[in-house]
Amino acid sequence: MKIPKRYRTSRWEGKVKWYTKDCDYYRKTDEEEYCGWVVAFKILSRGRNKLRKCGFRDKKDEEYNVVKYLDEVINQNQ
């Protein structure tokens, strides 16, 4: 299952981002892995051998966190 974009005009939603370790905003479906920090989710790619620490982990949570959207879509399709 691929997660549909919420906004067709959003150029950031669904963009590819490097996979990092210790991500609190990580979500997975049977087809893709996602990062759901802030307002636009990213599709994760495992292009690096040595993983960096998640850059979002120590930042303040934003009020409109897309991880809630990812959870809703994933739970509806299970």
N, C-alpha and C. Protein backbone atom coordinates (compact mmCIF):
# COMPACT_ATOMS: atom_id res chain seq x y z
N MET A 1 0.83 -1.18 0.00
CA MET A 1 0.00 0.00 0.00
C MET A 1 0.88 1.24 0.00
N LYS A 2 0.64 2.11 -0.95
CA LYS A 2 1.34 3.39 -0.97
C LYS A 2 0.43 4.45 -0.36
N ILE A 3 1.01 5.34 0.41
CA ILE A 3 0.24 6.41 1.06
C ILE A 3 -0.05 7.50 0.02
N PRO A 4 -1.32 7.87 -0.14
CA PRO A 4 -1.63 8.95 -1.09
C PRO A 4 -1.26 10.32 -0.54
N LYS A 5 -0.84 11.21 -1.42
CA LYS A 5 -0.57 12.59 -1.02
C LYS A 5 -1.86 13.23 -0.55
N ARG A 6 -1.75 14.10 0.42
CA ARG A 6 -2.94 14.81 0.89
C ARG A 6 -3.24 16.00 0.00
N TYR A 7 -2.20 16.61 -0.53
CA TYR A 7 -2.36 17.80 -1.37
C TYR A 7 -1.67 17.55 -2.70
N ARG A 8 -2.42 17.59 -3.77
CA ARG A 8 -1.82 17.33 -5.09
C ARG A 8 -0.74 18.34 -5.44
N THR A 9 -0.86 19.56 -4.91
CA THR A 9 0.09 20.61 -5.25
C THR A 9 1.35 20.60 -4.38
N SER A 10 1.38 19.74 -3.36
CA SER A 10 2.54 19.72 -2.47
C SER A 10 3.73 19.06 -3.15
N ARG A 11 4.78 19.83 -3.34
CA ARG A 11 5.98 19.25 -3.98
C ARG A 11 6.85 18.52 -2.96
N TRP A 12 6.56 18.68 -1.66
CA TRP A 12 7.38 18.04 -0.63
C TRP A 12 6.85 16.70 -0.21
N GLU A 13 5.53 16.51 -0.29
CA GLU A 13 4.95 15.26 0.18
C GLU A 13 5.32 14.12 -0.76
N GLY A 14 5.83 13.05 -0.19
CA GLY A 14 6.22 11.90 -0.99
C GLY A 14 7.61 12.00 -1.59
N LYS A 15 8.34 13.05 -1.27
CA LYS A 15 9.70 13.21 -1.76
C LYS A 15 10.62 12.19 -1.04
N VAL A 16 11.70 11.79 -1.67
CA VAL A 16 12.61 10.80 -1.08
C VAL A 16 13.58 11.47 -0.11
N LYS A 17 13.81 10.80 1.03
CA LYS A 17 14.74 11.28 2.06
C LYS A 17 15.57 10.07 2.48
N TRP A 18 16.82 10.29 2.85
CA TRP A 18 17.66 9.19 3.31
C TRP A 18 17.15 8.65 4.63
N TYR A 19 17.20 7.34 4.77
CA TYR A 19 16.83 6.67 6.00
C TYR A 19 17.83 7.03 7.10
N THR A 20 17.35 7.27 8.32
CA THR A 20 18.23 7.56 9.45
C THR A 20 17.91 6.59 10.60
N LYS A 21 18.79 6.52 11.57
CA LYS A 21 18.52 5.64 12.71
C LYS A 21 17.82 6.42 13.82
N ASP A 22 17.13 5.71 14.68
CA ASP A 22 16.45 6.29 15.84
C ASP A 22 15.41 7.34 15.48
N CYS A 23 14.60 7.07 14.48
CA CYS A 23 13.58 8.04 14.06
C CYS A 23 12.27 7.78 14.80
N ASP A 24 11.76 8.78 15.51
CA ASP A 24 10.48 8.67 16.22
C ASP A 24 9.30 8.80 15.27
N TYR A 25 9.53 9.26 14.07
CA TYR A 25 8.46 9.53 13.11
C TYR A 25 8.42 8.51 11.99
N TYR A 26 9.10 7.39 12.19
CA TYR A 26 9.19 6.31 11.21
C TYR A 26 7.89 5.52 11.18
N ARG A 27 7.38 5.27 9.97
CA ARG A 27 6.23 4.40 9.77
C ARG A 27 6.51 3.51 8.58
N LYS A 28 5.92 2.30 8.58
CA LYS A 28 6.20 1.35 7.51
C LYS A 28 4.91 0.70 7.04
N THR A 29 4.78 0.54 5.73
CA THR A 29 3.72 -0.28 5.15
C THR A 29 4.42 -1.46 4.50
N ASP A 30 3.65 -2.33 3.84
CA ASP A 30 4.29 -3.47 3.19
C ASP A 30 5.10 -3.07 1.96
N GLU A 31 4.89 -1.86 1.43
CA GLU A 31 5.62 -1.42 0.23
C GLU A 31 6.69 -0.37 0.48
N GLU A 32 6.44 0.54 1.42
CA GLU A 32 7.33 1.69 1.62
C GLU A 32 7.62 1.95 3.09
N GLU A 33 8.67 2.74 3.33
CA GLU A 33 8.99 3.24 4.67
C GLU A 33 8.90 4.76 4.60
N TYR A 34 8.37 5.37 5.67
CA TYR A 34 8.08 6.81 5.65
C TYR A 34 8.64 7.52 6.87
N CYS A 35 8.91 8.81 6.69
CA CYS A 35 9.21 9.73 7.78
C CYS A 35 8.05 10.72 7.83
N GLY A 36 7.45 10.86 9.02
CA GLY A 36 6.26 11.71 9.13
C GLY A 36 6.44 12.93 10.00
N TRP A 37 7.60 13.56 9.94
CA TRP A 37 7.82 14.74 10.77
C TRP A 37 7.30 15.98 10.06
N VAL A 38 6.68 16.87 10.79
CA VAL A 38 6.12 18.16 10.36
C VAL A 38 4.89 17.94 9.47
N VAL A 39 4.79 18.61 8.34
CA VAL A 39 3.54 18.61 7.58
C VAL A 39 3.58 17.82 6.28
N ALA A 40 4.70 17.32 5.87
CA ALA A 40 4.78 16.55 4.62
C ALA A 40 5.61 15.29 4.86
N PHE A 41 5.02 14.12 4.53
CA PHE A 41 5.75 12.87 4.74
C PHE A 41 6.79 12.68 3.64
N LYS A 42 7.83 11.93 3.98
CA LYS A 42 8.91 11.59 3.04
C LYS A 42 8.99 10.08 2.92
N ILE A 43 9.29 9.60 1.71
CA ILE A 43 9.54 8.18 1.49
C ILE A 43 11.02 7.95 1.77
N LEU A 44 11.30 6.97 2.62
CA LEU A 44 12.68 6.73 3.03
C LEU A 44 13.40 5.80 2.06
N SER A 45 14.66 6.11 1.82
CA SER A 45 15.52 5.32 0.96
C SER A 45 16.75 4.89 1.75
N ARG A 46 17.15 3.65 1.57
CA ARG A 46 18.33 3.12 2.28
C ARG A 46 19.56 3.21 1.39
N GLY A 47 19.89 4.40 0.94
CA GLY A 47 21.00 4.58 0.02
C GLY A 47 22.36 4.69 0.68
N ARG A 48 22.40 4.81 2.00
CA ARG A 48 23.69 4.95 2.69
C ARG A 48 23.97 3.71 3.52
N ASN A 49 25.23 3.34 3.58
CA ASN A 49 25.61 2.20 4.41
C ASN A 49 25.71 2.58 5.88
N LYS A 50 26.27 3.74 6.17
CA LYS A 50 26.42 4.19 7.54
C LYS A 50 25.30 5.20 7.83
N LEU A 51 24.35 4.81 8.68
CA LEU A 51 23.20 5.66 8.95
C LEU A 51 23.54 6.78 9.92
N ARG A 52 23.02 7.96 9.65
CA ARG A 52 23.17 9.09 10.55
C ARG A 52 22.03 9.10 11.56
N LYS A 53 22.25 9.84 12.64
CA LYS A 53 21.20 10.04 13.63
C LYS A 53 20.07 10.85 13.00
N CYS A 54 18.84 10.59 13.41
CA CYS A 54 17.69 11.33 12.91
C CYS A 54 17.83 12.81 13.28
N GLY A 55 17.75 13.67 12.29
CA GLY A 55 17.89 15.11 12.53
C GLY A 55 16.67 15.73 13.18
N PHE A 56 15.55 15.03 13.19
CA PHE A 56 14.32 15.58 13.75
C PHE A 56 14.09 15.15 15.20
N ARG A 57 14.79 14.13 15.63
CA ARG A 57 14.52 13.52 16.94
C ARG A 57 14.58 14.51 18.09
N ASP A 58 15.54 15.40 18.10
CA ASP A 58 15.71 16.32 19.23
C ASP A 58 15.03 17.67 19.01
N LYS A 59 14.29 17.80 17.91
CA LYS A 59 13.60 19.07 17.64
C LYS A 59 12.21 19.05 18.27
N LYS A 60 11.69 20.23 18.52
CA LYS A 60 10.36 20.36 19.09
C LYS A 60 9.32 19.85 18.08
N ASP A 61 8.35 19.07 18.57
CA ASP A 61 7.27 18.59 17.71
C ASP A 61 6.46 19.77 17.18
N GLU A 62 6.12 19.70 15.92
CA GLU A 62 5.25 20.70 15.34
C GLU A 62 3.81 20.35 15.65
N GLU A 63 2.96 21.34 15.68
CA GLU A 63 1.55 21.11 16.02
C GLU A 63 0.85 20.25 14.98
N TYR A 64 1.14 20.48 13.71
CA TYR A 64 0.50 19.73 12.64
C TYR A 64 1.45 18.66 12.13
N ASN A 65 1.44 17.56 12.81
CA ASN A 65 2.39 16.49 12.53
C ASN A 65 1.76 15.46 11.59
N VAL A 66 2.35 15.22 10.44
CA VAL A 66 1.79 14.32 9.43
C VAL A 66 1.84 12.86 9.87
N VAL A 67 2.56 12.54 10.93
CA VAL A 67 2.61 11.15 11.40
C VAL A 67 1.21 10.68 11.81
N LYS A 68 0.37 11.58 12.26
CA LYS A 68 -1.01 11.24 12.61
C LYS A 68 -1.77 10.80 11.35
N TYR A 69 -1.55 11.49 10.25
CA TYR A 69 -2.17 11.12 8.98
C TYR A 69 -1.68 9.74 8.53
N LEU A 70 -0.38 9.50 8.62
CA LEU A 70 0.18 8.20 8.23
C LEU A 70 -0.43 7.07 9.06
N ASP A 71 -0.55 7.30 10.38
CA ASP A 71 -1.14 6.28 11.25
C ASP A 71 -2.58 5.98 10.86
N GLU A 72 -3.36 7.02 10.56
CA GLU A 72 -4.76 6.82 10.18
C GLU A 72 -4.88 5.99 8.91
N VAL A 73 -4.10 6.34 7.88
CA VAL A 73 -4.16 5.62 6.61
C VAL A 73 -3.69 4.18 6.76
N ILE A 74 -2.62 3.97 7.50
CA ILE A 74 -2.10 2.61 7.71
C ILE A 74 -3.11 1.76 8.48
N ASN A 75 -3.70 2.32 9.53
CA ASN A 75 -4.68 1.57 10.34
C ASN A 75 -5.95 1.24 9.55
N GLN A 76 -6.38 2.13 8.67
CA GLN A 76 -7.57 1.89 7.86
C GLN A 76 -7.36 0.74 6.87
N ASN A 77 -6.12 0.54 6.44
CA ASN A 77 -5.83 -0.47 5.43
C ASN A 77 -5.33 -1.79 6.00
N GLN A 78 -5.41 -1.96 7.28
CA GLN A 78 -4.96 -3.23 7.89
C GLN A 78 -6.13 -4.17 8.07
